[in-house]
Amino acid sequence: MVSLRDVAEASGVSLGTASKVMNGRPGVGAAKRDEILAIAKQLGYQQRESKEPAKLIDLVMRGMDSPWSLLVLAGVEAEAARAGAGVVVSVSHGREVGNRPWLDRLSKRHSDGLVLVVSQLGEGWEKELERLRIPYVLVDPVGAAPPGVPTVAASNVDGGRQAVEHLAGLGHRKIGIISGVRELACSQERLDGFNTGMARAGLKVPASYVAFGNFHQSGGYRQGLKMLSQRNRPTAIFAGSDLQALGVYKAAAELGLRIPEDLSVVGFDDSLLSDWMIPGLTTIRQPLEDMARQATRILLQMNEGTEPVTDNLTLATSLVVRGSTAAPK
């Protein structure tokens, strides 16, 4: 089946321009419009039946077992509701999405587009979604996005650097990091920011001060016990998520360490639980709800044939200081 993208490439125009022509919208000169229509006819392009603005959006997430996911869901639902669209939520539980049964269900319910959140996608899903003419946006993508696919993410590198600058500014010289899942781009980016901050502060990073968790309490607890049991333990830890920071809290308590008197902890997310932890968690805020809203807004625009202003939207992070950090003894 000839896709709209095929028509755009053969005509030497953007996907948005081709969409305007095929949907009879203004903004394209008469000569260029006739040229594109002729090429579409020559290629055998079959115009999709006209439809009303998007009414159903699919949100695909790794899981729904954290405050992080609730903020993303809130952002998608709020923007979808503003546009009069409903939301279908699918949870991958870390498995690949994009298999045949999933694609068949997606096609049958006539989804107007996908918001994919850190999902591992199966081989061939790109061409299949293009064949079905279903647009999609990636939030915090696992790796590099296919060309022309919009992504929305937080400035993870800046976040890692901000965490180190805060701790070094308090006087800490022995700072460890427990980043997230090793394979995820956001985990590597937070580690890159951490390393940049340490280098700027003139601080060394022993190999035993670097670990990867799983973004959940168990990862922070397991790696926290290991890191804090060293004879020359760090006086501060930057955790790759607020949930991992909660695991570090438990590990510190079991080892008889007080926060922040004996150990300073910085999280990442500024999720709902960070203000309720005791002491309150100093953390890097990533605007999760806004990221989800922006992704949904872009998807709705794509469904109407409008090209995104940028393919890669990065939103700023910021430091939120609470009671879990203090000067070292």
C-alpha atoms as a PDB file:
ATOM      1  CA  MET A   1       0.000   0.000   0.000  1.00  0.00           C
ATOM      2  CA  VAL A   2       1.331   3.433  -0.954  1.00  0.00           C
ATOM      3  CA  SER A   3       1.590   5.699   2.090  1.00  0.00           C
ATOM      4  CA  LEU A   4       1.309   9.457   2.374  1.00  0.00           C
ATOM      5  CA  ARG A   5       5.016   9.527   3.209  1.00  0.00           C
ATOM      6  CA  ASP A   6       5.716   7.857  -0.165  1.00  0.00           C
ATOM      7  CA  VAL A   7       3.791  10.639  -1.904  1.00  0.00           C
ATOM      8  CA  ALA A   8       5.681  13.305   0.042  1.00  0.00           C
ATOM      9  CA  GLU A   9       9.076  11.819  -0.786  1.00  0.00           C
ATOM     10  CA  ALA A  10       8.259  11.386  -4.481  1.00  0.00           C
ATOM     11  CA  SER A  11       7.020  14.988  -4.623  1.00  0.00           C
ATOM     12  CA  GLY A  12      10.007  16.394  -2.750  1.00  0.00           C
ATOM     13  CA  VAL A  13       7.812  18.009  -0.066  1.00  0.00           C
ATOM     14  CA  SER A  14       7.275  17.546   3.652  1.00  0.00           C
ATOM     15  CA  LEU A  15       4.737  15.112   5.062  1.00  0.00           C
ATOM     16  CA  GLY A  16       2.688  18.060   6.355  1.00  0.00           C
ATOM     17  CA  THR A  17       2.528  19.658   2.895  1.00  0.00           C
ATOM     18  CA  ALA A  18       1.423  16.402   1.288  1.00  0.00           C
ATOM     19  CA  SER A  19      -1.218  16.004   4.002  1.00  0.00           C
ATOM     20  CA  LYS A  20      -2.589  19.488   3.325  1.00  0.00           C
ATOM     21  CA  VAL A  21      -2.951  18.723  -0.369  1.00  0.00           C
ATOM     22  CA  MET A  22      -4.551  15.315   0.075  1.00  0.00           C
ATOM     23  CA  ASN A  23      -6.981  16.663   2.679  1.00  0.00           C
ATOM     24  CA  GLY A  24      -7.908  19.758   0.650  1.00  0.00           C
ATOM     25  CA  ARG A  25      -6.532  22.303   3.119  1.00  0.00           C
ATOM     26  CA  PRO A  26      -5.105  25.698   2.045  1.00  0.00           C
ATOM     27  CA  GLY A  27      -1.479  26.767   2.277  1.00  0.00           C
ATOM     28  CA  VAL A  28      -0.047  25.149  -0.863  1.00  0.00           C
ATOM     29  CA  GLY A  29       0.269  26.893  -4.251  1.00  0.00           C
ATOM     30  CA  ALA A  30      -1.960  25.731  -7.108  1.00  0.00           C
ATOM     31  CA  ALA A  31       0.904  24.478  -9.291  1.00  0.00           C
ATOM     32  CA  LYS A  32       2.522  22.509  -6.486  1.00  0.00           C
ATOM     33  CA  ARG A  33      -0.877  21.143  -5.414  1.00  0.00           C
ATOM     34  CA  ASP A  34      -1.584  19.847  -8.954  1.00  0.00           C
ATOM     35  CA  GLU A  35       1.883  18.316  -9.110  1.00  0.00           C
ATOM     36  CA  ILE A  36       1.439  16.456  -5.820  1.00  0.00           C
ATOM     37  CA  LEU A  37      -2.026  15.222  -6.795  1.00  0.00           C
ATOM     38  CA  ALA A  38      -0.664  13.940 -10.107  1.00  0.00           C
ATOM     39  CA  ILE A  39       2.175  12.070  -8.391  1.00  0.00           C
ATOM     40  CA  ALA A  40      -0.254  10.590  -5.865  1.00  0.00           C
ATOM     41  CA  LYS A  41      -2.461   9.329  -8.667  1.00  0.00           C
ATOM     42  CA  GLN A  42       0.526   7.916 -10.531  1.00  0.00           C
ATOM     43  CA  LEU A  43       1.694   6.058  -7.418  1.00  0.00           C
ATOM     44  CA  GLY A  44      -1.788   4.695  -6.797  1.00  0.00           C
ATOM     45  CA  TYR A  45      -2.215   6.421  -3.442  1.00  0.00           C
ATOM     46  CA  GLN A  46      -5.645   5.812  -1.934  1.00  0.00           C
ATOM     47  CA  GLN A  47      -6.835   8.656   0.245  1.00  0.00           C
ATOM     48  CA  ARG A  48      -7.965   7.688   3.705  1.00  0.00           C
ATOM     49  CA  GLU A  49     -11.597   8.530   4.367  1.00  0.00           C
ATOM     50  CA  SER A  50     -11.970  11.956   5.930  1.00  0.00           C
ATOM     51  CA  LYS A  51     -12.632  11.901   9.641  1.00  0.00           C
ATOM     52  CA  GLU A  52     -13.339  14.195  12.523  1.00  0.00           C
ATOM     53  CA  PRO A  53     -10.526  15.328  14.846  1.00  0.00           C
ATOM     54  CA  ALA A  54      -8.875  12.615  16.953  1.00  0.00           C
ATOM     55  CA  LYS A  55     -11.231  10.817  19.300  1.00  0.00           C
ATOM     56  CA  LEU A  56      -9.085   7.975  20.615  1.00  0.00           C
ATOM     57  CA  ILE A  57      -5.448   7.994  21.731  1.00  0.00           C
ATOM     58  CA  ASP A  58      -3.444   4.957  22.828  1.00  0.00           C
ATOM     59  CA  LEU A  59      -1.007   5.424  25.719  1.00  0.00           C
ATOM     60  CA  VAL A  60       1.541   2.600  26.000  1.00  0.00           C
ATOM     61  CA  MET A  61       3.657   2.414  29.176  1.00  0.00           C
ATOM     62  CA  ARG A  62       6.137   0.008  30.739  1.00  0.00           C
ATOM     63  CA  GLY A  63       4.102  -0.182  33.945  1.00  0.00           C
ATOM     64  CA  MET A  64       1.595   1.552  36.221  1.00  0.00           C
ATOM     65  CA  ASP A  65       3.290   0.746  39.518  1.00  0.00           C
ATOM     66  CA  SER A  66       4.893   4.081  40.358  1.00  0.00           C
ATOM     67  CA  PRO A  67       3.988   7.744  41.011  1.00  0.00           C
ATOM     68  CA  TRP A  68       5.975   8.507  37.820  1.00  0.00           C
ATOM     69  CA  SER A  69       3.435   6.708  35.649  1.00  0.00           C
ATOM     70  CA  LEU A  70       0.498   8.441  37.317  1.00  0.00           C
ATOM     71  CA  LEU A  71       1.899  11.860  36.402  1.00  0.00           C
ATOM     72  CA  VAL A  72       2.369  10.770  32.785  1.00  0.00           C
ATOM     73  CA  LEU A  73      -1.178   9.411  32.655  1.00  0.00           C
ATOM     74  CA  ALA A  74      -2.529  12.648  34.157  1.00  0.00           C
ATOM     75  CA  GLY A  75      -0.755  14.720  31.491  1.00  0.00           C
ATOM     76  CA  VAL A  76      -1.986  12.613  28.565  1.00  0.00           C
ATOM     77  CA  GLU A  77      -5.543  12.476  29.870  1.00  0.00           C
ATOM     78  CA  ALA A  78      -5.702  16.224  30.532  1.00  0.00           C
ATOM     79  CA  GLU A  79      -4.567  17.170  27.021  1.00  0.00           C
ATOM     80  CA  ALA A  80      -6.739  14.502  25.395  1.00  0.00           C
ATOM     81  CA  ALA A  81      -9.786  15.689  27.338  1.00  0.00           C
ATOM     82  CA  ARG A  82      -9.130  19.261  26.230  1.00  0.00           C
ATOM     83  CA  ALA A  83      -9.346  18.040  22.614  1.00  0.00           C
ATOM     84  CA  GLY A  84     -12.378  15.831  23.268  1.00  0.00           C
ATOM     85  CA  ALA A  85     -10.433  12.583  22.856  1.00  0.00           C
ATOM     86  CA  GLY A  86     -10.491   9.408  24.924  1.00  0.00           C
ATOM     87  CA  VAL A  87      -7.442   7.468  26.137  1.00  0.00           C
ATOM     88  CA  VAL A  88      -6.762   3.722  25.998  1.00  0.00           C
ATOM     89  CA  VAL A  89      -3.942   2.590  28.316  1.00  0.00           C
ATOM     90  CA  SER A  90      -1.763  -0.451  27.559  1.00  0.00           C
ATOM     91  CA  VAL A  91       0.923  -1.730  29.916  1.00  0.00           C
ATOM     92  CA  SER A  92       3.861  -3.663  28.483  1.00  0.00           C
ATOM     93  CA  HIS A  93       5.364  -4.759  31.842  1.00  0.00           C
ATOM     94  CA  GLY A  94       8.792  -4.391  30.238  1.00  0.00           C
ATOM     95  CA  ARG A  95       7.947  -6.671  27.305  1.00  0.00           C
ATOM     96  CA  GLU A  96       8.134  -5.650  23.660  1.00  0.00           C
ATOM     97  CA  VAL A  97       5.074  -4.066  22.128  1.00  0.00           C
ATOM     98  CA  GLY A  98       4.340  -4.006  18.450  1.00  0.00           C
ATOM     99  CA  ASN A  99       3.564  -7.709  17.973  1.00  0.00           C
ATOM    100  CA  ARG A 100       0.852  -8.849  15.576  1.00  0.00           C
ATOM    101  CA  PRO A 101      -2.024  -9.315  18.090  1.00  0.00           C
ATOM    102  CA  TRP A 102      -1.358  -5.839  19.529  1.00  0.00           C
ATOM    103  CA  LEU A 103      -1.274  -4.242  16.083  1.00  0.00           C
ATOM    104  CA  ASP A 104      -4.477  -6.017  15.091  1.00  0.00           C
ATOM    105  CA  ARG A 105      -6.271  -4.678  18.165  1.00  0.00           C
ATOM    106  CA  LEU A 106      -4.895  -1.219  17.465  1.00  0.00           C
ATOM    107  CA  SER A 107      -6.216  -1.304  13.902  1.00  0.00           C
ATOM    108  CA  LYS A 108      -9.654  -2.606  14.867  1.00  0.00           C
ATOM    109  CA  ARG A 109     -10.335   0.154  17.372  1.00  0.00           C
ATOM    110  CA  HIS A 110      -9.268   2.810  14.825  1.00  0.00           C
ATOM    111  CA  SER A 111      -6.792   4.524  17.114  1.00  0.00           C
ATOM    112  CA  ASP A 112      -5.903   8.045  16.058  1.00  0.00           C
ATOM    113  CA  GLY A 113      -2.369   7.834  17.406  1.00  0.00           C
ATOM    114  CA  LEU A 114       0.058   6.522  20.000  1.00  0.00           C
ATOM    115  CA  VAL A 115       1.950   8.054  22.895  1.00  0.00           C
ATOM    116  CA  LEU A 116       4.728   5.542  23.617  1.00  0.00           C
ATOM    117  CA  VAL A 117       6.527   5.868  26.963  1.00  0.00           C
ATOM    118  CA  VAL A 118       9.920   4.121  27.337  1.00  0.00           C
ATOM    119  CA  SER A 119       8.548   1.092  25.522  1.00  0.00           C
ATOM    120  CA  GLN A 120      10.651  -1.592  23.837  1.00  0.00           C
ATOM    121  CA  LEU A 121       9.140  -1.961  20.384  1.00  0.00           C
ATOM    122  CA  GLY A 122       9.202  -5.097  18.251  1.00  0.00           C
ATOM    123  CA  GLU A 123      10.965  -5.424  14.930  1.00  0.00           C
ATOM    124  CA  GLY A 124       9.026  -4.071  11.964  1.00  0.00           C
ATOM    125  CA  TRP A 125       6.585  -1.986  14.023  1.00  0.00           C
ATOM    126  CA  GLU A 126       7.610   1.253  12.274  1.00  0.00           C
ATOM    127  CA  LYS A 127       6.554   0.097   8.804  1.00  0.00           C
ATOM    128  CA  GLU A 128       3.410  -1.471  10.173  1.00  0.00           C
ATOM    129  CA  LEU A 129       2.311   1.733  11.920  1.00  0.00           C
ATOM    130  CA  GLU A 130       3.086   3.657   8.734  1.00  0.00           C
ATOM    131  CA  ARG A 131       1.030   1.174   6.712  1.00  0.00           C
ATOM    132  CA  LEU A 132      -1.871   1.661   9.139  1.00  0.00           C
ATOM    133  CA  ARG A 133      -1.275   5.434   8.911  1.00  0.00           C
ATOM    134  CA  ILE A 134      -1.191   5.787  12.690  1.00  0.00           C
ATOM    135  CA  PRO A 135       1.052   8.625  13.952  1.00  0.00           C
ATOM    136  CA  TYR A 136       3.020   8.230  17.171  1.00  0.00           C
ATOM    137  CA  VAL A 137       5.201  10.187  19.590  1.00  0.00           C
ATOM    138  CA  LEU A 138       7.909   8.768  21.865  1.00  0.00           C
ATOM    139  CA  VAL A 139       8.294   9.994  25.460  1.00  0.00           C
ATOM    140  CA  ASP A 140      11.689   9.335  27.071  1.00  0.00           C
ATOM    141  CA  PRO A 141      12.627   6.910  24.252  1.00  0.00           C
ATOM    142  CA  VAL A 142      14.709   3.818  24.954  1.00  0.00           C
ATOM    143  CA  GLY A 143      17.177   4.702  22.187  1.00  0.00           C
ATOM    144  CA  ALA A 144      17.345   6.774  19.022  1.00  0.00           C
ATOM    145  CA  ALA A 145      13.969   7.434  17.407  1.00  0.00           C
ATOM    146  CA  PRO A 146      13.361   6.666  13.725  1.00  0.00           C
ATOM    147  CA  PRO A 147      13.877   9.668  11.422  1.00  0.00           C
ATOM    148  CA  GLY A 148      10.951  12.071  11.494  1.00  0.00           C
ATOM    149  CA  VAL A 149       9.371  10.599  14.632  1.00  0.00           C
ATOM    150  CA  PRO A 150       8.799  13.249  17.338  1.00  0.00           C
ATOM    151  CA  THR A 151      10.232  12.662  20.813  1.00  0.00           C
ATOM    152  CA  VAL A 152       9.671  14.435  24.132  1.00  0.00           C
ATOM    153  CA  ALA A 153      12.194  14.072  26.944  1.00  0.00           C
ATOM    154  CA  ALA A 154      13.679  15.853  29.953  1.00  0.00           C
ATOM    155  CA  SER A 155      17.193  17.294  30.017  1.00  0.00           C
ATOM    156  CA  ASN A 156      18.625  14.286  31.856  1.00  0.00           C
ATOM    157  CA  VAL A 157      22.246  15.382  31.421  1.00  0.00           C
ATOM    158  CA  ASP A 158      21.530  18.754  33.040  1.00  0.00           C
ATOM    159  CA  GLY A 159      19.696  16.989  35.847  1.00  0.00           C
ATOM    160  CA  GLY A 160      22.692  14.799  36.681  1.00  0.00           C
ATOM    161  CA  ARG A 161      24.986  17.804  36.614  1.00  0.00           C
ATOM    162  CA  GLN A 162      22.644  19.835  38.853  1.00  0.00           C
ATOM    163  CA  ALA A 163      22.586  17.052  41.438  1.00  0.00           C
ATOM    164  CA  VAL A 164      26.384  16.976  41.652  1.00  0.00           C
ATOM    165  CA  GLU A 165      26.699  20.768  41.749  1.00  0.00           C
ATOM    166  CA  HIS A 166      24.298  20.871  44.709  1.00  0.00           C
ATOM    167  CA  LEU A 167      26.148  18.163  46.646  1.00  0.00           C
ATOM    168  CA  ALA A 168      29.614  19.511  45.840  1.00  0.00           C
ATOM    169  CA  GLY A 169      28.426  22.971  46.863  1.00  0.00           C
ATOM    170  CA  LEU A 170      27.542  21.562  50.281  1.00  0.00           C
ATOM    171  CA  GLY A 171      31.102  20.264  50.601  1.00  0.00           C
ATOM    172  CA  HIS A 172      30.712  16.621  49.592  1.00  0.00           C
ATOM    173  CA  ARG A 173      33.737  15.088  47.900  1.00  0.00           C
ATOM    174  CA  LYS A 174      32.749  11.407  47.948  1.00  0.00           C
ATOM    175  CA  ILE A 175      29.599  11.179  45.809  1.00  0.00           C
ATOM    176  CA  GLY A 176      28.123   7.990  44.370  1.00  0.00           C
ATOM    177  CA  ILE A 177      25.442   7.400  41.753  1.00  0.00           C
ATOM    178  CA  ILE A 178      22.831   4.681  41.373  1.00  0.00           C
ATOM    179  CA  SER A 179      21.432   5.337  37.890  1.00  0.00           C
ATOM    180  CA  GLY A 180      18.448   3.552  36.352  1.00  0.00           C
ATOM    181  CA  VAL A 181      18.167   0.645  33.940  1.00  0.00           C
ATOM    182  CA  ARG A 182      21.506   0.432  32.130  1.00  0.00           C
ATOM    183  CA  GLU A 183      19.989  -0.032  28.658  1.00  0.00           C
ATOM    184  CA  LEU A 184      17.816   3.089  28.764  1.00  0.00           C
ATOM    185  CA  ALA A 185      19.080   6.317  27.211  1.00  0.00           C
ATOM    186  CA  CYS A 186      17.823   8.396  30.148  1.00  0.00           C
ATOM    187  CA  SER A 187      19.937   6.338  32.586  1.00  0.00           C
ATOM    188  CA  GLN A 188      23.083   6.852  30.537  1.00  0.00           C
ATOM    189  CA  GLU A 189      22.328  10.562  30.149  1.00  0.00           C
ATOM    190  CA  ARG A 190      21.947  11.041  33.913  1.00  0.00           C
ATOM    191  CA  LEU A 191      25.264   9.271  34.397  1.00  0.00           C
ATOM    192  CA  ASP A 192      26.847  11.519  31.752  1.00  0.00           C
ATOM    193  CA  GLY A 193      25.603  14.583  33.609  1.00  0.00           C
ATOM    194  CA  PHE A 194      26.906  13.170  36.893  1.00  0.00           C
ATOM    195  CA  ASN A 195      30.344  12.579  35.395  1.00  0.00           C
ATOM    196  CA  THR A 196      30.389  16.079  33.907  1.00  0.00           C
ATOM    197  CA  GLY A 197      29.524  17.614  37.272  1.00  0.00           C
ATOM    198  CA  MET A 198      32.170  15.580  39.065  1.00  0.00           C
ATOM    199  CA  ALA A 199      34.818  16.561  36.511  1.00  0.00           C
ATOM    200  CA  ARG A 200      33.940  20.244  36.812  1.00  0.00           C
ATOM    201  CA  ALA A 201      34.218  20.000  40.598  1.00  0.00           C
ATOM    202  CA  GLY A 202      37.605  18.286  40.278  1.00  0.00           C
ATOM    203  CA  LEU A 203      36.314  15.137  41.973  1.00  0.00           C
ATOM    204  CA  LYS A 204      37.238  11.536  41.203  1.00  0.00           C
ATOM    205  CA  VAL A 205      34.663   8.790  40.702  1.00  0.00           C
ATOM    206  CA  PRO A 206      35.805   5.366  41.946  1.00  0.00           C
ATOM    207  CA  ALA A 207      34.293   2.448  40.058  1.00  0.00           C
ATOM    208  CA  SER A 208      32.637   1.272  43.281  1.00  0.00           C
ATOM    209  CA  TYR A 209      30.713   4.564  43.430  1.00  0.00           C
ATOM    210  CA  VAL A 210      28.861   3.875  40.146  1.00  0.00           C
ATOM    211  CA  ALA A 211      25.947   1.452  39.937  1.00  0.00           C
ATOM    212  CA  PHE A 212      22.794   0.816  37.893  1.00  0.00           C
ATOM    213  CA  GLY A 213      19.435  -0.035  39.442  1.00  0.00           C
ATOM    214  CA  ASN A 214      15.956  -0.637  38.055  1.00  0.00           C
ATOM    215  CA  PHE A 215      14.178   2.658  38.856  1.00  0.00           C
ATOM    216  CA  HIS A 216      12.359   0.932  41.737  1.00  0.00           C
ATOM    217  CA  GLN A 217      12.931   0.680  45.495  1.00  0.00           C
ATOM    218  CA  SER A 218      14.536  -2.744  45.159  1.00  0.00           C
ATOM    219  CA  GLY A 219      17.296  -1.413  42.892  1.00  0.00           C
ATOM    220  CA  GLY A 220      18.093   1.499  45.187  1.00  0.00           C
ATOM    221  CA  TYR A 221      18.052  -0.747  48.263  1.00  0.00           C
ATOM    222  CA  ARG A 222      20.240  -3.477  46.771  1.00  0.00           C
ATOM    223  CA  GLN A 223      22.829  -1.147  45.268  1.00  0.00           C
ATOM    224  CA  GLY A 224      22.628   1.200  48.273  1.00  0.00           C
ATOM    225  CA  LEU A 225      23.518  -1.618  50.686  1.00  0.00           C
ATOM    226  CA  LYS A 226      26.478  -2.568  48.538  1.00  0.00           C
ATOM    227  CA  MET A 227      27.763   0.988  48.103  1.00  0.00           C
ATOM    228  CA  LEU A 228      27.286   2.037  51.736  1.00  0.00           C
ATOM    229  CA  SER A 229      28.896  -1.117  53.145  1.00  0.00           C
ATOM    230  CA  GLN A 230      32.313  -0.097  51.795  1.00  0.00           C
ATOM    231  CA  ARG A 231      34.950   1.003  54.284  1.00  0.00           C
ATOM    232  CA  ASN A 232      35.416   4.214  52.303  1.00  0.00           C
ATOM    233  CA  ARG A 233      31.725   4.755  51.632  1.00  0.00           C
ATOM    234  CA  PRO A 234      30.342   7.837  49.854  1.00  0.00           C
ATOM    235  CA  THR A 235      28.900  10.659  51.952  1.00  0.00           C
ATOM    236  CA  ALA A 236      26.259  11.378  49.312  1.00  0.00           C
ATOM    237  CA  ILE A 237      24.339   9.377  46.685  1.00  0.00           C
ATOM    238  CA  PHE A 238      22.527  10.597  43.590  1.00  0.00           C
ATOM    239  CA  ALA A 239      19.735   8.105  42.847  1.00  0.00           C
ATOM    240  CA  GLY A 240      18.375   7.782  39.305  1.00  0.00           C
ATOM    241  CA  SER A 241      14.764   8.057  40.501  1.00  0.00           C
ATOM    242  CA  ASP A 242      12.801   8.975  43.604  1.00  0.00           C
ATOM    243  CA  LEU A 243      11.821   5.324  44.091  1.00  0.00           C
ATOM    244  CA  GLN A 244      15.475   4.285  44.045  1.00  0.00           C
ATOM    245  CA  ALA A 245      16.179   7.046  46.565  1.00  0.00           C
ATOM    246  CA  LEU A 246      13.523   5.465  48.805  1.00  0.00           C
ATOM    247  CA  GLY A 247      15.444   2.191  48.560  1.00  0.00           C
ATOM    248  CA  VAL A 248      18.639   4.017  49.564  1.00  0.00           C
ATOM    249  CA  TYR A 249      16.784   5.389  52.612  1.00  0.00           C
ATOM    250  CA  LYS A 250      15.999   1.828  53.712  1.00  0.00           C
ATOM    251  CA  ALA A 251      19.563   0.628  53.105  1.00  0.00           C
ATOM    252  CA  ALA A 252      20.966   3.545  55.123  1.00  0.00           C
ATOM    253  CA  ALA A 253      18.588   2.862  58.003  1.00  0.00           C
ATOM    254  CA  GLU A 254      19.601  -0.803  58.159  1.00  0.00           C
ATOM    255  CA  LEU A 255      23.258   0.231  58.308  1.00  0.00           C
ATOM    256  CA  GLY A 256      22.594   2.736  61.090  1.00  0.00           C
ATOM    257  CA  LEU A 257      23.171   5.799  58.918  1.00  0.00           C
ATOM    258  CA  ARG A 258      21.062   8.920  59.390  1.00  0.00           C
ATOM    259  CA  ILE A 259      19.854  11.139  56.543  1.00  0.00           C
ATOM    260  CA  PRO A 260      21.174  13.816  56.100  1.00  0.00           C
ATOM    261  CA  GLU A 261      23.563  13.726  59.085  1.00  0.00           C
ATOM    262  CA  ASP A 262      25.549  10.707  57.833  1.00  0.00           C
ATOM    263  CA  LEU A 263      24.398  10.519  54.219  1.00  0.00           C
ATOM    264  CA  SER A 264      22.908  13.008  51.767  1.00  0.00           C
ATOM    265  CA  VAL A 265      20.547  11.683  49.082  1.00  0.00           C
ATOM    266  CA  VAL A 266      19.303  13.292  45.866  1.00  0.00           C
ATOM    267  CA  GLY A 267      16.571  11.696  43.754  1.00  0.00           C
ATOM    268  CA  PHE A 268      15.241  12.308  40.266  1.00  0.00           C
ATOM    269  CA  ASP A 269      11.618  12.969  39.157  1.00  0.00           C
ATOM    270  CA  ASP A 270      10.066  15.024  41.989  1.00  0.00           C
ATOM    271  CA  SER A 271       7.233  12.515  42.086  1.00  0.00           C
ATOM    272  CA  LEU A 272       4.355  12.651  44.560  1.00  0.00           C
ATOM    273  CA  LEU A 273       6.191  10.646  47.223  1.00  0.00           C
ATOM    274  CA  SER A 274       9.296  12.888  47.428  1.00  0.00           C
ATOM    275  CA  ASP A 275       7.625  15.450  49.697  1.00  0.00           C
ATOM    276  CA  TRP A 276       6.256  12.715  51.993  1.00  0.00           C
ATOM    277  CA  MET A 277       9.515  10.889  52.626  1.00  0.00           C
ATOM    278  CA  ILE A 278      11.191  11.522  55.988  1.00  0.00           C
ATOM    279  CA  PRO A 279      13.176  13.656  55.634  1.00  0.00           C
ATOM    280  CA  GLY A 280      11.701  15.205  52.488  1.00  0.00           C
ATOM    281  CA  LEU A 281      13.722  14.213  49.436  1.00  0.00           C
ATOM    282  CA  THR A 282      15.933  16.696  47.605  1.00  0.00           C
ATOM    283  CA  THR A 283      15.405  15.774  43.973  1.00  0.00           C
ATOM    284  CA  ILE A 284      15.737  16.793  40.347  1.00  0.00           C
ATOM    285  CA  ARG A 285      12.336  17.727  38.997  1.00  0.00           C
ATOM    286  CA  GLN A 286      11.533  16.555  35.499  1.00  0.00           C
ATOM    287  CA  PRO A 287       8.223  17.977  34.262  1.00  0.00           C
ATOM    288  CA  LEU A 288       6.568  14.609  33.677  1.00  0.00           C
ATOM    289  CA  GLU A 289       3.010  15.850  33.384  1.00  0.00           C
ATOM    290  CA  ASP A 290       4.044  18.618  31.003  1.00  0.00           C
ATOM    291  CA  MET A 291       6.102  16.149  28.930  1.00  0.00           C
ATOM    292  CA  ALA A 292       3.021  13.957  28.548  1.00  0.00           C
ATOM    293  CA  ARG A 293       0.814  16.920  27.666  1.00  0.00           C
ATOM    294  CA  GLN A 294       3.271  18.131  25.043  1.00  0.00           C
ATOM    295  CA  ALA A 295       3.541  14.664  23.498  1.00  0.00           C
ATOM    296  CA  THR A 296      -0.245  14.377  23.303  1.00  0.00           C
ATOM    297  CA  ARG A 297      -0.551  17.861  21.818  1.00  0.00           C
ATOM    298  CA  ILE A 298       1.999  17.005  19.119  1.00  0.00           C
ATOM    299  CA  LEU A 299       0.148  13.779  18.353  1.00  0.00           C
ATOM    300  CA  LEU A 300      -3.167  15.599  17.957  1.00  0.00           C
ATOM    301  CA  GLN A 301      -1.526  18.095  15.603  1.00  0.00           C
ATOM    302  CA  MET A 302      -0.005  15.278  13.541  1.00  0.00           C
ATOM    303  CA  ASN A 303      -3.400  13.642  13.271  1.00  0.00           C
ATOM    304  CA  GLU A 304      -4.699  16.867  11.740  1.00  0.00           C
ATOM    305  CA  GLY A 305      -1.814  16.910   9.254  1.00  0.00           C
ATOM    306  CA  THR A 306       0.296  19.561  10.971  1.00  0.00           C
ATOM    307  CA  GLU A 307       4.038  18.981  11.185  1.00  0.00           C
ATOM    308  CA  PRO A 308       5.675  19.324  14.636  1.00  0.00           C
ATOM    309  CA  VAL A 309       7.819  22.432  15.093  1.00  0.00           C
ATOM    310  CA  THR A 310      10.665  20.141  16.155  1.00  0.00           C
ATOM    311  CA  ASP A 311      11.219  16.382  16.113  1.00  0.00           C
ATOM    312  CA  ASN A 312      13.062  16.421  19.452  1.00  0.00           C
ATOM    313  CA  LEU A 313      11.498  18.447  22.264  1.00  0.00           C
ATOM    314  CA  THR A 314      13.575  18.602  25.461  1.00  0.00           C
ATOM    315  CA  LEU A 315      12.116  20.166  28.619  1.00  0.00           C
ATOM    316  CA  ALA A 316      14.279  21.619  31.372  1.00  0.00           C
ATOM    317  CA  THR A 317      14.901  19.968  34.738  1.00  0.00           C
ATOM    318  CA  SER A 318      15.322  21.865  38.023  1.00  0.00           C
ATOM    319  CA  LEU A 319      16.629  21.203  41.530  1.00  0.00           C
ATOM    320  CA  VAL A 320      14.113  20.972  44.388  1.00  0.00           C
ATOM    321  CA  VAL A 321      15.855  21.185  47.774  1.00  0.00           C
ATOM    322  CA  ARG A 322      14.296  19.490  50.791  1.00  0.00           C
ATOM    323  CA  GLY A 323      15.711  17.906  53.930  1.00  0.00           C
ATOM    324  CA  SER A 324      17.701  14.930  52.600  1.00  0.00           C
ATOM    325  CA  THR A 325      20.894  16.891  51.853  1.00  0.00           C
ATOM    326  CA  ALA A 326      23.289  18.734  54.162  1.00  0.00           C
ATOM    327  CA  ALA A 327      26.981  19.435  54.543  1.00  0.00           C
ATOM    328  CA  PRO A 328      29.046  16.304  55.363  1.00  0.00           C
ATOM    329  CA  LYS A 329      30.463  15.812  58.840  1.00  0.00           C
END
